Amino acid sequence: MSSPVEVTDSTFEEMVIKAQQPVLVDFWAEWCGPCKMIAPVLEDLAKELEGKLTIGKLDVDENQSTAMAYGVFSIPTLLLFKDGEPVERIVGFQPKPQLLSRLEPHLG
């Protein structure tokens, strides 16, 4: 069973940029209400899409340089990386069906 993995400024390159499969990075913070709302959705997707997609969680309070490098100004922001490049940006809470419809075209 897969679940979201913690990503930090120091592990971002290895875990996201050099990843063999697409990685959805959840830029979040402990105090963020919508971040807490989307967390169970991401847990479900991590299990459902195991082998096709990795889900990473990056705490913006502890990892500000990566958040700034990708222009993350509001959270939650979900960035989908494929072949080391961001290919999709989703800002704010999204119900699971809408989230899936944004991700699936990139998971071929």
C-alpha atoms as a PDB file:
ATOM      1  CA  MET A   1       0.000   0.000   0.000  1.00  0.00           C
ATOM      2  CA  SER A   2       1.400   3.307  -1.056  1.00  0.00           C
ATOM      3  CA  SER A   3       0.939   6.536   0.827  1.00  0.00           C
ATOM      4  CA  PRO A   4       2.247  10.085   0.320  1.00  0.00           C
ATOM      5  CA  VAL A   5       5.954  10.530   1.035  1.00  0.00           C
ATOM      6  CA  GLU A   6       7.613  13.502   2.697  1.00  0.00           C
ATOM      7  CA  VAL A   7       9.650  15.696   0.363  1.00  0.00           C
ATOM      8  CA  THR A   8      12.064  18.388   1.592  1.00  0.00           C
ATOM      9  CA  ASP A   9      14.285  21.013  -0.004  1.00  0.00           C
ATOM     10  CA  SER A  10      17.209  18.597   0.301  1.00  0.00           C
ATOM     11  CA  THR A  11      15.389  15.559  -1.164  1.00  0.00           C
ATOM     12  CA  PHE A  12      13.380  17.360  -3.872  1.00  0.00           C
ATOM     13  CA  GLU A  13      15.897  16.838  -6.696  1.00  0.00           C
ATOM     14  CA  GLU A  14      16.274  13.111  -6.031  1.00  0.00           C
ATOM     15  CA  MET A  15      12.618  12.311  -5.217  1.00  0.00           C
ATOM     16  CA  VAL A  16      10.862  14.562  -7.732  1.00  0.00           C
ATOM     17  CA  ILE A  17      13.115  15.838 -10.520  1.00  0.00           C
ATOM     18  CA  LYS A  18      14.927  12.514 -11.085  1.00  0.00           C
ATOM     19  CA  ALA A  19      11.858  10.307 -10.479  1.00  0.00           C
ATOM     20  CA  GLN A  20      11.089   7.600 -13.038  1.00  0.00           C
ATOM     21  CA  GLN A  21       7.317   8.129 -12.830  1.00  0.00           C
ATOM     22  CA  PRO A  22       5.177  11.267 -12.434  1.00  0.00           C
ATOM     23  CA  VAL A  23       5.220  12.874  -8.984  1.00  0.00           C
ATOM     24  CA  LEU A  24       2.405  15.011  -7.583  1.00  0.00           C
ATOM     25  CA  VAL A  25       3.839  17.351  -4.956  1.00  0.00           C
ATOM     26  CA  ASP A  26       1.413  18.720  -2.373  1.00  0.00           C
ATOM     27  CA  PHE A  27       2.729  22.060  -1.077  1.00  0.00           C
ATOM     28  CA  TRP A  28       1.031  22.329   2.319  1.00  0.00           C
ATOM     29  CA  ALA A  29       1.348  23.556   5.918  1.00  0.00           C
ATOM     30  CA  GLU A  30       0.096  22.282   9.274  1.00  0.00           C
ATOM     31  CA  TRP A  31      -2.090  25.379   9.890  1.00  0.00           C
ATOM     32  CA  CYS A  32      -3.840  25.237   6.481  1.00  0.00           C
ATOM     33  CA  GLY A  33      -7.492  24.128   6.629  1.00  0.00           C
ATOM     34  CA  PRO A  34      -7.909  23.261   2.917  1.00  0.00           C
ATOM     35  CA  CYS A  35      -4.612  21.306   3.117  1.00  0.00           C
ATOM     36  CA  LYS A  36      -6.177  19.114   5.808  1.00  0.00           C
ATOM     37  CA  MET A  37      -9.284  18.668   3.640  1.00  0.00           C
ATOM     38  CA  ILE A  38      -7.299  17.436   0.634  1.00  0.00           C
ATOM     39  CA  ALA A  39      -5.001  15.108   2.642  1.00  0.00           C
ATOM     40  CA  PRO A  40      -7.411  12.113   2.700  1.00  0.00           C
ATOM     41  CA  VAL A  41      -8.065  12.550  -1.043  1.00  0.00           C
ATOM     42  CA  LEU A  42      -4.312  12.353  -1.672  1.00  0.00           C
ATOM     43  CA  GLU A  43      -4.065   9.276   0.596  1.00  0.00           C
ATOM     44  CA  ASP A  44      -6.716   7.562  -1.569  1.00  0.00           C
ATOM     45  CA  LEU A  45      -5.004   8.564  -4.807  1.00  0.00           C
ATOM     46  CA  ALA A  46      -1.620   7.321  -3.557  1.00  0.00           C
ATOM     47  CA  LYS A  47      -3.156   3.858  -3.080  1.00  0.00           C
ATOM     48  CA  GLU A  48      -5.240   3.876  -6.270  1.00  0.00           C
ATOM     49  CA  LEU A  49      -2.470   5.128  -8.538  1.00  0.00           C
ATOM     50  CA  GLU A  50       0.385   3.128  -7.020  1.00  0.00           C
ATOM     51  CA  GLY A  51       2.879   2.280  -9.749  1.00  0.00           C
ATOM     52  CA  LYS A  52       1.647   5.151 -11.956  1.00  0.00           C
ATOM     53  CA  LEU A  53       2.114   8.158  -9.676  1.00  0.00           C
ATOM     54  CA  THR A  54       4.037   9.082  -6.537  1.00  0.00           C
ATOM     55  CA  ILE A  55       2.513  11.636  -4.195  1.00  0.00           C
ATOM     56  CA  GLY A  56       4.884  13.789  -2.194  1.00  0.00           C
ATOM     57  CA  LYS A  57       4.080  16.281   0.566  1.00  0.00           C
ATOM     58  CA  LEU A  58       6.295  19.332   1.007  1.00  0.00           C
ATOM     59  CA  ASP A  59       5.739  21.467   4.129  1.00  0.00           C
ATOM     60  CA  VAL A  60       6.164  25.070   2.914  1.00  0.00           C
ATOM     61  CA  ASP A  61       7.000  26.368   6.392  1.00  0.00           C
ATOM     62  CA  GLU A  62      10.022  24.076   6.632  1.00  0.00           C
ATOM     63  CA  ASN A  63      11.008  24.060   2.938  1.00  0.00           C
ATOM     64  CA  GLN A  64      10.597  27.615   1.701  1.00  0.00           C
ATOM     65  CA  SER A  65      13.260  27.607  -1.019  1.00  0.00           C
ATOM     66  CA  THR A  66      11.547  24.898  -3.111  1.00  0.00           C
ATOM     67  CA  ALA A  67       8.145  26.567  -2.692  1.00  0.00           C
ATOM     68  CA  MET A  68       9.621  29.910  -3.772  1.00  0.00           C
ATOM     69  CA  ALA A  69      11.485  28.352  -6.707  1.00  0.00           C
ATOM     70  CA  TYR A  70       8.169  27.070  -8.132  1.00  0.00           C
ATOM     71  CA  GLY A  71       6.160  30.212  -7.368  1.00  0.00           C
ATOM     72  CA  VAL A  72       3.937  28.665  -4.725  1.00  0.00           C
ATOM     73  CA  PHE A  73       2.168  31.595  -3.052  1.00  0.00           C
ATOM     74  CA  SER A  74      -1.020  29.964  -1.800  1.00  0.00           C
ATOM     75  CA  ILE A  75      -1.654  26.516  -0.407  1.00  0.00           C
ATOM     76  CA  PRO A  76      -2.584  23.873  -1.029  1.00  0.00           C
ATOM     77  CA  THR A  77      -0.843  23.954  -4.393  1.00  0.00           C
ATOM     78  CA  LEU A  78      -0.389  20.646  -6.175  1.00  0.00           C
ATOM     79  CA  LEU A  79       2.320  20.493  -8.837  1.00  0.00           C
ATOM     80  CA  LEU A  80       2.530  17.462 -11.094  1.00  0.00           C
ATOM     81  CA  PHE A  81       6.067  16.760 -12.294  1.00  0.00           C
ATOM     82  CA  LYS A  82       6.748  14.520 -15.274  1.00  0.00           C
ATOM     83  CA  ASP A  83      10.288  13.915 -16.532  1.00  0.00           C
ATOM     84  CA  GLY A  84      11.524  16.522 -14.053  1.00  0.00           C
ATOM     85  CA  GLU A  85       9.257  19.301 -15.342  1.00  0.00           C
ATOM     86  CA  PRO A  86       6.042  20.714 -13.850  1.00  0.00           C
ATOM     87  CA  VAL A  87       3.208  19.833 -16.254  1.00  0.00           C
ATOM     88  CA  GLU A  88       0.122  20.674 -14.160  1.00  0.00           C
ATOM     89  CA  ARG A  89      -0.622  23.168 -11.361  1.00  0.00           C
ATOM     90  CA  ILE A  90      -3.722  22.822  -9.199  1.00  0.00           C
ATOM     91  CA  VAL A  91      -4.359  25.486  -6.561  1.00  0.00           C
ATOM     92  CA  GLY A  92      -6.843  24.994  -3.728  1.00  0.00           C
ATOM     93  CA  PHE A  93      -8.966  22.077  -2.636  1.00  0.00           C
ATOM     94  CA  GLN A  94     -10.324  19.848  -5.408  1.00  0.00           C
ATOM     95  CA  PRO A  95     -12.729  16.936  -4.944  1.00  0.00           C
ATOM     96  CA  LYS A  96     -11.286  13.596  -6.004  1.00  0.00           C
ATOM     97  CA  PRO A  97     -13.109  13.316  -9.385  1.00  0.00           C
ATOM     98  CA  GLN A  98     -11.892  16.762 -10.519  1.00  0.00           C
ATOM     99  CA  LEU A  99      -8.376  16.021  -9.297  1.00  0.00           C
ATOM    100  CA  LEU A 100      -8.305  12.708 -11.171  1.00  0.00           C
ATOM    101  CA  SER A 101      -9.534  14.363 -14.371  1.00  0.00           C
ATOM    102  CA  ARG A 102      -6.607  16.843 -14.188  1.00  0.00           C
ATOM    103  CA  LEU A 103      -4.030  14.111 -13.476  1.00  0.00           C
ATOM    104  CA  GLU A 104      -5.085  11.250 -15.753  1.00  0.00           C
ATOM    105  CA  PRO A 105      -4.004  12.849 -19.082  1.00  0.00           C
ATOM    106  CA  HIS A 106      -0.419  12.881 -17.745  1.00  0.00           C
ATOM    107  CA  LEU A 107      -0.378   9.301 -16.469  1.00  0.00           C
ATOM    108  CA  GLY A 108      -0.637   7.443 -19.802  1.00  0.00           C
END
